[in-house]
Amino acid sequence: MKKTLPRAAVGGAALLLSTALTSGTASAAGDEHCIANMDTGEQECFATLDAAISAAEEETEPSGPTTLSAQAQNDVIQGTFFTERGYGGDSLTIWGEAPCVKDGWVDYEFNLTGDFAGWANRISSAQPWADCWIWLYPEPDLGGSRDGPYKENTAYVGDFMNDRTDSIGFS
C-alpha cells in the first residue's frame, strides 16, 4: 500500500525545502544540480539549484508529475546531498514514495552506482527531508561501517564519511 500525504503537507514540505536550500546558496558557474527518483533510478540535471528544486517539487505534487516518471504522483523529497561543505558545489536531491517511518529500520536505500557512479565518494554535506534520517555507507548496498544518523541539515558530514559515500540509507 502506497502512503500518501495531503496536498498541504507535501506543498508545505516543498516550500520549506525550497526556502532552506535556496537561502544563501548561490550556484557557482558549472555546478550541476540533479534530482533522482528513488524508485525508477531516473535522473535529471539542471544548471541551478533553484531549477532542480522546482522540478523536484513538481514531481512530488499530488496533481501529477511533469518531468520524470508517471509513477511519482504522491512522492516526497527525502534528502539533498552536496559535494562541498556548507551545501555548496554539485547537488543531488532524491525523492521517493513516502516519508520515512521511525521504526528502527532503514526504509529506503539508494546506491551511488551505475548511472549515479559520478556521485560516489563526493558527498560532503546533507539535508534530510520527509522525516527521514540519513545514514551514509562507504560501500554499495548499505555495506561497511555506516555513519549517522544525520537528523538535521549537516553542513559537514565529518572526516569519517566526507567524500566516502557509496550508498545512502533513509530511516
N, C-alpha and C. Protein backbone atom coordinates (compact mmCIF):
# COMPACT_ATOMS: atom_id res chain seq x y z
N MET A 1 0.83 -1.18 0.00
CA MET A 1 0.00 0.00 0.00
C MET A 1 0.88 1.24 0.00
N LYS A 2 0.62 2.12 -0.91
CA LYS A 2 1.41 3.33 -1.04
C LYS A 2 0.89 4.38 -0.08
N LYS A 3 1.80 4.99 0.69
CA LYS A 3 1.43 6.03 1.62
C LYS A 3 1.33 7.35 0.88
N THR A 4 0.37 8.18 1.25
CA THR A 4 0.25 9.48 0.62
C THR A 4 0.12 10.55 1.69
N LEU A 5 0.48 11.75 1.33
CA LEU A 5 0.34 12.89 2.20
C LEU A 5 -0.70 13.82 1.63
N PRO A 6 -1.40 14.54 2.49
CA PRO A 6 -2.31 15.55 1.96
C PRO A 6 -1.53 16.59 1.18
N ARG A 7 -2.17 17.19 0.20
CA ARG A 7 -1.52 18.19 -0.65
C ARG A 7 -0.87 19.28 0.19
N ALA A 8 -1.50 19.73 1.24
CA ALA A 8 -0.93 20.78 2.08
C ALA A 8 0.38 20.35 2.70
N ALA A 9 0.46 19.10 3.14
CA ALA A 9 1.70 18.61 3.76
C ALA A 9 2.82 18.56 2.75
N VAL A 10 2.52 18.08 1.55
CA VAL A 10 3.54 18.00 0.50
C VAL A 10 3.96 19.39 0.08
N GLY A 11 2.99 20.27 -0.15
CA GLY A 11 3.30 21.63 -0.55
C GLY A 11 4.11 22.36 0.49
N GLY A 12 3.74 22.18 1.76
CA GLY A 12 4.47 22.82 2.86
C GLY A 12 5.90 22.33 2.94
N ALA A 13 6.08 21.03 2.79
CA ALA A 13 7.43 20.46 2.82
C ALA A 13 8.24 20.98 1.65
N ALA A 14 7.62 21.06 0.49
CA ALA A 14 8.34 21.55 -0.69
C ALA A 14 8.72 23.02 -0.51
N LEU A 15 7.82 23.83 0.06
CA LEU A 15 8.13 25.22 0.30
C LEU A 15 9.26 25.35 1.30
N LEU A 16 9.21 24.58 2.38
CA LEU A 16 10.27 24.58 3.38
C LEU A 16 11.60 24.18 2.75
N LEU A 17 11.58 23.13 1.94
CA LEU A 17 12.78 22.67 1.27
C LEU A 17 13.34 23.76 0.36
N SER A 18 12.48 24.36 -0.43
CA SER A 18 12.92 25.38 -1.36
C SER A 18 13.53 26.57 -0.62
N THR A 19 12.88 26.99 0.43
CA THR A 19 13.38 28.12 1.21
C THR A 19 14.71 27.79 1.86
N ALA A 20 14.81 26.63 2.48
CA ALA A 20 16.04 26.24 3.17
C ALA A 20 17.19 26.05 2.21
N LEU A 21 16.92 25.49 1.05
CA LEU A 21 18.00 25.22 0.12
C LEU A 21 18.46 26.45 -0.62
N THR A 22 17.54 27.36 -0.92
CA THR A 22 17.92 28.47 -1.77
C THR A 22 18.39 29.68 -0.99
N SER A 23 18.05 29.79 0.28
CA SER A 23 18.51 30.96 1.01
C SER A 23 20.01 30.83 1.29
N GLY A 24 20.75 31.75 0.73
CA GLY A 24 22.18 31.77 0.97
C GLY A 24 22.98 30.77 0.17
N THR A 25 22.39 30.08 -0.79
CA THR A 25 23.16 29.12 -1.58
C THR A 25 23.06 29.47 -3.05
N ALA A 26 24.00 30.19 -3.52
CA ALA A 26 24.04 30.53 -4.93
C ALA A 26 24.85 29.47 -5.66
N SER A 27 24.43 29.17 -6.86
CA SER A 27 25.13 28.17 -7.66
C SER A 27 26.32 28.80 -8.35
N ALA A 28 27.45 28.16 -8.22
CA ALA A 28 28.63 28.62 -8.94
C ALA A 28 28.53 28.17 -10.39
N ALA A 29 29.16 28.88 -11.27
CA ALA A 29 29.16 28.51 -12.68
C ALA A 29 29.71 27.10 -12.83
N GLY A 30 29.01 26.28 -13.56
CA GLY A 30 29.48 24.93 -13.81
C GLY A 30 28.96 23.89 -12.84
N ASP A 31 28.33 24.31 -11.73
CA ASP A 31 27.76 23.33 -10.81
C ASP A 31 26.60 22.61 -11.48
N GLU A 32 26.41 21.36 -11.08
CA GLU A 32 25.32 20.54 -11.62
C GLU A 32 24.39 20.17 -10.46
N HIS A 33 23.11 20.35 -10.68
CA HIS A 33 22.13 20.09 -9.64
C HIS A 33 21.10 19.10 -10.19
N CYS A 34 21.10 17.91 -9.62
CA CYS A 34 20.30 16.83 -10.16
C CYS A 34 19.21 16.40 -9.19
N ILE A 35 18.14 15.84 -9.76
CA ILE A 35 17.10 15.19 -8.97
C ILE A 35 17.04 13.74 -9.42
N ALA A 36 16.71 12.86 -8.49
CA ALA A 36 16.67 11.43 -8.81
C ALA A 36 15.44 10.80 -8.19
N ASN A 37 14.78 9.95 -8.96
CA ASN A 37 13.65 9.17 -8.49
C ASN A 37 14.18 7.89 -7.86
N MET A 38 13.96 7.72 -6.57
CA MET A 38 14.47 6.55 -5.86
C MET A 38 13.91 5.25 -6.43
N ASP A 39 12.66 5.27 -6.86
CA ASP A 39 12.01 4.05 -7.34
C ASP A 39 12.47 3.61 -8.72
N THR A 40 12.62 4.57 -9.63
CA THR A 40 12.94 4.22 -11.01
C THR A 40 14.42 4.40 -11.34
N GLY A 41 15.12 5.20 -10.53
CA GLY A 41 16.53 5.48 -10.82
C GLY A 41 16.71 6.53 -11.90
N GLU A 42 15.63 7.15 -12.35
CA GLU A 42 15.75 8.19 -13.36
C GLU A 42 16.36 9.43 -12.72
N GLN A 43 17.17 10.15 -13.50
CA GLN A 43 17.87 11.33 -13.03
C GLN A 43 17.73 12.44 -14.07
N GLU A 44 17.58 13.65 -13.59
CA GLU A 44 17.55 14.81 -14.47
C GLU A 44 18.37 15.90 -13.81
N CYS A 45 19.20 16.60 -14.58
CA CYS A 45 20.09 17.60 -14.01
C CYS A 45 19.79 18.99 -14.57
N PHE A 46 20.14 20.00 -13.77
CA PHE A 46 19.83 21.38 -14.07
C PHE A 46 21.05 22.24 -13.78
N ALA A 47 21.06 23.45 -14.32
CA ALA A 47 22.18 24.36 -14.14
C ALA A 47 22.16 25.05 -12.78
N THR A 48 20.98 25.16 -12.17
CA THR A 48 20.88 25.84 -10.87
C THR A 48 20.15 24.97 -9.86
N LEU A 49 20.44 25.23 -8.60
CA LEU A 49 19.74 24.53 -7.53
C LEU A 49 18.26 24.89 -7.52
N ASP A 50 17.93 26.15 -7.78
CA ASP A 50 16.53 26.56 -7.84
C ASP A 50 15.75 25.76 -8.88
N ALA A 51 16.33 25.58 -10.06
CA ALA A 51 15.65 24.82 -11.11
C ALA A 51 15.47 23.35 -10.70
N ALA A 52 16.48 22.78 -10.06
CA ALA A 52 16.38 21.38 -9.62
C ALA A 52 15.29 21.23 -8.56
N ILE A 53 15.27 22.14 -7.60
CA ILE A 53 14.26 22.06 -6.53
C ILE A 53 12.87 22.28 -7.11
N SER A 54 12.73 23.20 -8.03
CA SER A 54 11.42 23.42 -8.67
C SER A 54 10.95 22.15 -9.37
N ALA A 55 11.84 21.49 -10.08
CA ALA A 55 11.48 20.24 -10.77
C ALA A 55 11.13 19.15 -9.76
N ALA A 56 11.89 19.06 -8.67
CA ALA A 56 11.58 18.06 -7.64
C ALA A 56 10.24 18.35 -7.00
N GLU A 57 9.92 19.62 -6.77
CA GLU A 57 8.62 19.98 -6.21
C GLU A 57 7.50 19.57 -7.16
N GLU A 58 7.70 19.78 -8.45
CA GLU A 58 6.68 19.38 -9.43
C GLU A 58 6.48 17.87 -9.40
N GLU A 59 7.56 17.13 -9.23
CA GLU A 59 7.47 15.67 -9.19
C GLU A 59 6.71 15.17 -7.96
N THR A 60 6.78 15.92 -6.88
CA THR A 60 6.18 15.46 -5.64
C THR A 60 4.79 16.03 -5.40
N GLU A 61 4.27 16.81 -6.31
CA GLU A 61 2.92 17.35 -6.17
C GLU A 61 1.89 16.25 -6.46
N PRO A 62 0.83 16.17 -5.67
CA PRO A 62 -0.20 15.16 -5.89
C PRO A 62 -0.90 15.28 -7.23
N SER A 63 -0.84 16.46 -7.88
CA SER A 63 -1.52 16.63 -9.16
C SER A 63 -0.85 15.84 -10.27
N GLY A 64 0.36 15.38 -10.05
CA GLY A 64 0.99 14.55 -11.06
C GLY A 64 2.34 15.06 -11.48
N PRO A 65 3.14 14.19 -12.06
CA PRO A 65 4.50 14.52 -12.47
C PRO A 65 4.52 15.31 -13.76
N THR A 66 5.63 16.02 -13.96
CA THR A 66 5.76 16.76 -15.20
C THR A 66 7.07 16.47 -15.92
N THR A 67 8.07 15.91 -15.24
CA THR A 67 9.33 15.72 -15.94
C THR A 67 9.89 14.31 -15.94
N LEU A 68 9.77 13.54 -14.87
CA LEU A 68 10.47 12.26 -14.86
C LEU A 68 9.58 11.04 -15.02
N SER A 69 8.77 10.74 -14.05
CA SER A 69 8.09 9.45 -14.05
C SER A 69 6.62 9.57 -13.72
N ALA A 70 5.80 8.86 -14.45
CA ALA A 70 4.37 8.88 -14.21
C ALA A 70 4.00 8.19 -12.91
N GLN A 71 4.94 7.54 -12.26
CA GLN A 71 4.65 6.85 -11.01
C GLN A 71 4.83 7.74 -9.79
N ALA A 72 5.18 8.99 -9.97
CA ALA A 72 5.58 9.84 -8.85
C ALA A 72 4.48 10.73 -8.29
N GLN A 73 3.23 10.37 -8.42
CA GLN A 73 2.15 11.28 -8.09
C GLN A 73 2.08 11.70 -6.63
N ASN A 74 2.55 10.92 -5.71
CA ASN A 74 2.47 11.28 -4.29
C ASN A 74 3.82 11.22 -3.61
N ASP A 75 4.88 11.31 -4.34
CA ASP A 75 6.22 11.18 -3.77
C ASP A 75 6.61 12.42 -2.97
N VAL A 76 7.65 12.25 -2.16
CA VAL A 76 8.17 13.35 -1.35
C VAL A 76 9.69 13.41 -1.51
N ILE A 77 10.24 14.59 -1.32
CA ILE A 77 11.68 14.74 -1.32
C ILE A 77 12.20 14.18 -0.01
N GLN A 78 13.20 13.29 -0.09
CA GLN A 78 13.72 12.62 1.11
C GLN A 78 15.09 13.11 1.54
N GLY A 79 15.87 13.67 0.64
CA GLY A 79 17.18 14.18 1.03
C GLY A 79 17.88 14.89 -0.11
N THR A 80 18.74 15.83 0.25
CA THR A 80 19.59 16.52 -0.72
C THR A 80 21.03 16.43 -0.23
N PHE A 81 21.93 16.18 -1.17
CA PHE A 81 23.34 15.95 -0.86
C PHE A 81 24.19 16.89 -1.70
N PHE A 82 25.29 17.37 -1.10
CA PHE A 82 26.14 18.35 -1.75
C PHE A 82 27.58 17.87 -1.76
N THR A 83 28.32 18.28 -2.79
CA THR A 83 29.70 17.83 -2.94
C THR A 83 30.70 18.69 -2.17
N GLU A 84 30.24 19.79 -1.61
CA GLU A 84 31.13 20.65 -0.83
C GLU A 84 30.52 20.93 0.53
N ARG A 85 31.37 21.25 1.48
CA ARG A 85 30.90 21.64 2.81
C ARG A 85 30.00 22.86 2.70
N GLY A 86 29.09 23.00 3.63
CA GLY A 86 28.24 24.19 3.66
C GLY A 86 27.22 24.23 2.54
N TYR A 87 26.83 23.06 2.02
CA TYR A 87 25.79 22.95 0.98
C TYR A 87 26.20 23.60 -0.33
N GLY A 88 27.46 23.44 -0.71
CA GLY A 88 27.95 24.02 -1.95
C GLY A 88 28.30 22.95 -2.97
N GLY A 89 28.71 23.41 -4.14
CA GLY A 89 29.10 22.50 -5.21
C GLY A 89 27.89 21.88 -5.89
N ASP A 90 28.09 20.70 -6.45
CA ASP A 90 27.01 19.99 -7.11
C ASP A 90 26.03 19.46 -6.05
N SER A 91 24.77 19.24 -6.47
CA SER A 91 23.80 18.70 -5.53
C SER A 91 22.99 17.57 -6.18
N LEU A 92 22.55 16.66 -5.33
CA LEU A 92 21.69 15.56 -5.75
C LEU A 92 20.52 15.52 -4.78
N THR A 93 19.31 15.73 -5.30
CA THR A 93 18.08 15.66 -4.50
C THR A 93 17.37 14.37 -4.85
N ILE A 94 17.12 13.55 -3.84
CA ILE A 94 16.48 12.24 -4.04
C ILE A 94 15.06 12.29 -3.50
N TRP A 95 14.12 11.82 -4.32
CA TRP A 95 12.74 11.76 -3.88
C TRP A 95 12.20 10.35 -4.07
N GLY A 96 11.27 9.99 -3.20
CA GLY A 96 10.71 8.64 -3.23
C GLY A 96 9.26 8.63 -2.83
N GLU A 97 8.76 7.42 -2.58
CA GLU A 97 7.32 7.23 -2.46
C GLU A 97 6.67 7.78 -1.20
N ALA A 98 7.40 7.97 -0.11
CA ALA A 98 6.75 8.41 1.13
C ALA A 98 7.80 8.87 2.13
N PRO A 99 7.35 9.59 3.17
CA PRO A 99 8.26 9.93 4.26
C PRO A 99 8.76 8.66 4.95
N CYS A 100 9.78 8.80 5.75
CA CYS A 100 10.33 7.66 6.48
C CYS A 100 9.51 7.39 7.74
N VAL A 101 9.56 6.16 8.18
CA VAL A 101 8.86 5.72 9.39
C VAL A 101 9.91 5.51 10.48
N LYS A 102 9.68 6.01 11.63
CA LYS A 102 10.63 5.84 12.74
C LYS A 102 10.36 4.52 13.44
N ASP A 103 10.89 3.42 12.86
CA ASP A 103 10.67 2.08 13.41
C ASP A 103 11.98 1.33 13.66
N GLY A 104 13.12 2.04 13.57
CA GLY A 104 14.40 1.41 13.82
C GLY A 104 15.01 0.71 12.61
N TRP A 105 14.39 0.85 11.44
CA TRP A 105 14.88 0.19 10.22
C TRP A 105 15.11 1.21 9.13
N VAL A 106 16.01 0.89 8.21
CA VAL A 106 16.20 1.71 7.02
C VAL A 106 15.02 1.44 6.09
N ASP A 107 14.28 2.51 5.78
CA ASP A 107 13.09 2.38 4.93
C ASP A 107 13.43 2.36 3.45
N TYR A 108 14.44 3.12 3.08
CA TYR A 108 14.82 3.24 1.67
C TYR A 108 16.33 3.24 1.56
N GLU A 109 16.84 2.69 0.47
CA GLU A 109 18.28 2.77 0.22
C GLU A 109 18.52 3.23 -1.20
N PHE A 110 19.63 3.92 -1.37
CA PHE A 110 19.98 4.47 -2.68
C PHE A 110 21.46 4.24 -2.90
N ASN A 111 21.81 3.54 -3.97
CA ASN A 111 23.20 3.25 -4.30
C ASN A 111 23.74 4.28 -5.28
N LEU A 112 24.96 4.69 -5.03
CA LEU A 112 25.65 5.62 -5.93
C LEU A 112 26.52 4.80 -6.88
N THR A 113 25.85 3.98 -7.67
CA THR A 113 26.49 3.11 -8.65
C THR A 113 25.78 3.30 -9.99
N GLY A 114 26.22 2.61 -11.01
CA GLY A 114 25.57 2.70 -12.32
C GLY A 114 25.52 4.12 -12.81
N ASP A 115 24.30 4.59 -13.13
CA ASP A 115 24.12 5.96 -13.62
C ASP A 115 24.49 7.00 -12.57
N PHE A 116 24.60 6.59 -11.33
CA PHE A 116 24.90 7.52 -10.25
C PHE A 116 26.34 7.41 -9.75
N ALA A 117 27.17 6.65 -10.46
CA ALA A 117 28.56 6.45 -10.04
C ALA A 117 29.32 7.77 -9.95
N GLY A 118 28.92 8.75 -10.73
CA GLY A 118 29.56 10.06 -10.66
C GLY A 118 29.33 10.77 -9.34
N TRP A 119 28.39 10.29 -8.56
CA TRP A 119 28.12 10.89 -7.25
C TRP A 119 28.85 10.16 -6.13
N ALA A 120 29.38 8.99 -6.40
CA ALA A 120 30.07 8.19 -5.37
C ALA A 120 31.30 8.94 -4.85
N ASN A 121 31.51 8.82 -3.57
CA ASN A 121 32.70 9.38 -2.91
C ASN A 121 32.83 10.89 -3.11
N ARG A 122 31.68 11.58 -3.11
CA ARG A 122 31.70 13.03 -3.30
C ARG A 122 30.87 13.79 -2.28
N ILE A 123 30.10 13.14 -1.45
CA ILE A 123 29.20 13.83 -0.53
C ILE A 123 29.97 14.44 0.64
N SER A 124 29.72 15.74 0.87
CA SER A 124 30.34 16.45 1.98
C SER A 124 29.32 17.09 2.93
N SER A 125 28.11 17.35 2.45
CA SER A 125 27.06 17.89 3.31
C SER A 125 25.72 17.31 2.89
N ALA A 126 24.77 17.31 3.84
CA ALA A 126 23.49 16.64 3.59
C ALA A 126 22.34 17.37 4.27
N GLN A 127 21.16 17.24 3.65
CA GLN A 127 19.94 17.79 4.22
C GLN A 127 18.84 16.72 4.15
N PRO A 128 18.40 16.21 5.31
CA PRO A 128 17.30 15.23 5.32
C PRO A 128 15.94 15.93 5.25
N TRP A 129 14.98 15.24 4.62
CA TRP A 129 13.62 15.77 4.48
C TRP A 129 12.63 14.63 4.69
N ALA A 130 11.36 14.95 4.76
CA ALA A 130 10.26 13.98 4.85
C ALA A 130 10.42 13.04 6.05
N ASP A 131 10.84 13.60 7.18
CA ASP A 131 11.02 12.84 8.41
C ASP A 131 12.04 11.72 8.26
N CYS A 132 12.93 11.85 7.29
CA CYS A 132 13.96 10.83 7.10
C CYS A 132 15.24 11.21 7.84
N TRP A 133 15.87 10.21 8.43
CA TRP A 133 17.22 10.35 8.94
C TRP A 133 18.12 9.72 7.91
N ILE A 134 19.30 10.28 7.71
CA ILE A 134 20.21 9.82 6.67
C ILE A 134 21.37 9.05 7.30
N TRP A 135 21.67 7.91 6.69
CA TRP A 135 22.84 7.10 7.05
C TRP A 135 23.72 7.03 5.81
N LEU A 136 25.02 7.26 5.96
CA LEU A 136 25.95 7.19 4.84
C LEU A 136 26.83 5.96 5.00
N TYR A 137 27.04 5.24 3.88
CA TYR A 137 27.80 3.99 3.88
C TYR A 137 28.94 4.07 2.87
N PRO A 138 30.11 3.51 3.19
CA PRO A 138 31.26 3.57 2.28
C PRO A 138 31.24 2.50 1.18
N GLU A 139 30.24 1.63 1.17
CA GLU A 139 30.14 0.58 0.17
C GLU A 139 28.71 0.52 -0.38
N PRO A 140 28.52 0.00 -1.61
CA PRO A 140 27.17 -0.16 -2.14
C PRO A 140 26.32 -1.09 -1.27
N ASP A 141 25.01 -1.00 -1.45
CA ASP A 141 24.05 -1.87 -0.76
C ASP A 141 24.15 -1.76 0.76
N LEU A 142 24.39 -0.55 1.25
CA LEU A 142 24.48 -0.25 2.68
C LEU A 142 25.56 -1.06 3.36
N GLY A 143 26.69 -1.26 2.67
CA GLY A 143 27.79 -2.04 3.22
C GLY A 143 28.83 -1.18 3.91
N GLY A 144 29.57 -1.82 4.79
CA GLY A 144 30.65 -1.15 5.51
C GLY A 144 30.14 -0.46 6.76
N SER A 145 31.03 0.23 7.43
CA SER A 145 30.70 0.94 8.67
C SER A 145 29.99 2.24 8.35
N ARG A 146 28.73 2.32 8.72
CA ARG A 146 27.93 3.50 8.40
C ARG A 146 28.19 4.63 9.37
N ASP A 147 27.76 5.83 8.96
CA ASP A 147 27.83 6.99 9.84
C ASP A 147 26.46 7.66 9.80
N GLY A 148 26.08 8.23 10.93
CA GLY A 148 24.79 8.87 11.07
C GLY A 148 24.13 8.41 12.35
N PRO A 149 22.89 8.66 12.52
CA PRO A 149 22.03 9.31 11.52
C PRO A 149 22.22 10.82 11.50
N TYR A 150 22.09 11.36 10.30
CA TYR A 150 22.05 12.80 10.13
C TYR A 150 20.59 13.18 10.19
N LYS A 151 20.17 13.76 11.31
CA LYS A 151 18.76 14.04 11.57
C LYS A 151 18.34 15.45 11.17
N GLU A 152 19.33 16.30 10.93
CA GLU A 152 19.04 17.68 10.55
C GLU A 152 20.08 18.12 9.53
N ASN A 153 19.88 19.30 8.98
CA ASN A 153 20.83 19.82 8.00
C ASN A 153 22.24 19.73 8.57
N THR A 154 23.14 19.15 7.79
CA THR A 154 24.51 18.91 8.25
C THR A 154 25.47 19.54 7.25
N ALA A 155 26.06 20.65 7.64
CA ALA A 155 26.94 21.40 6.74
C ALA A 155 28.23 20.64 6.41
N TYR A 156 28.61 19.70 7.27
CA TYR A 156 29.78 18.87 7.02
C TYR A 156 29.54 17.51 7.66
N VAL A 157 29.61 16.46 6.86
CA VAL A 157 29.31 15.12 7.37
C VAL A 157 30.42 14.55 8.25
N GLY A 158 31.54 15.23 8.31
CA GLY A 158 32.63 14.79 9.17
C GLY A 158 33.71 14.04 8.41
N ASP A 159 34.87 13.93 9.03
CA ASP A 159 36.02 13.32 8.38
C ASP A 159 35.81 11.85 8.04
N PHE A 160 35.03 11.13 8.84
CA PHE A 160 34.85 9.69 8.61
C PHE A 160 34.18 9.40 7.26
N MET A 161 33.13 10.17 6.89
CA MET A 161 32.40 9.88 5.66
C MET A 161 32.59 10.92 4.55
N ASN A 162 33.28 12.01 4.82
CA ASN A 162 33.48 13.01 3.78
C ASN A 162 34.12 12.38 2.55
N ASP A 163 33.47 12.53 1.40
CA ASP A 163 33.95 12.00 0.12
C ASP A 163 34.17 10.49 0.14
N ARG A 164 33.34 9.75 0.92
CA ARG A 164 33.49 8.29 1.00
C ARG A 164 32.16 7.54 0.79
N THR A 165 31.08 8.23 0.49
CA THR A 165 29.76 7.59 0.45
C THR A 165 29.50 6.88 -0.87
N ASP A 166 29.15 5.59 -0.80
CA ASP A 166 28.75 4.80 -1.97
C ASP A 166 27.30 4.37 -1.92
N SER A 167 26.65 4.48 -0.75
CA SER A 167 25.23 4.22 -0.65
C SER A 167 24.64 5.02 0.51
N ILE A 168 23.33 5.25 0.42
CA ILE A 168 22.63 6.08 1.39
C ILE A 168 21.43 5.31 1.91
N GLY A 169 21.25 5.33 3.21
CA GLY A 169 20.05 4.76 3.83
C GLY A 169 19.20 5.87 4.40
N PHE A 170 17.89 5.73 4.22
CA PHE A 170 16.92 6.69 4.76
C PHE A 170 16.07 5.95 5.79
N SER A 171 16.05 6.43 7.02
CA SER A 171 15.23 5.77 8.04
C SER A 171 14.38 6.77 8.80
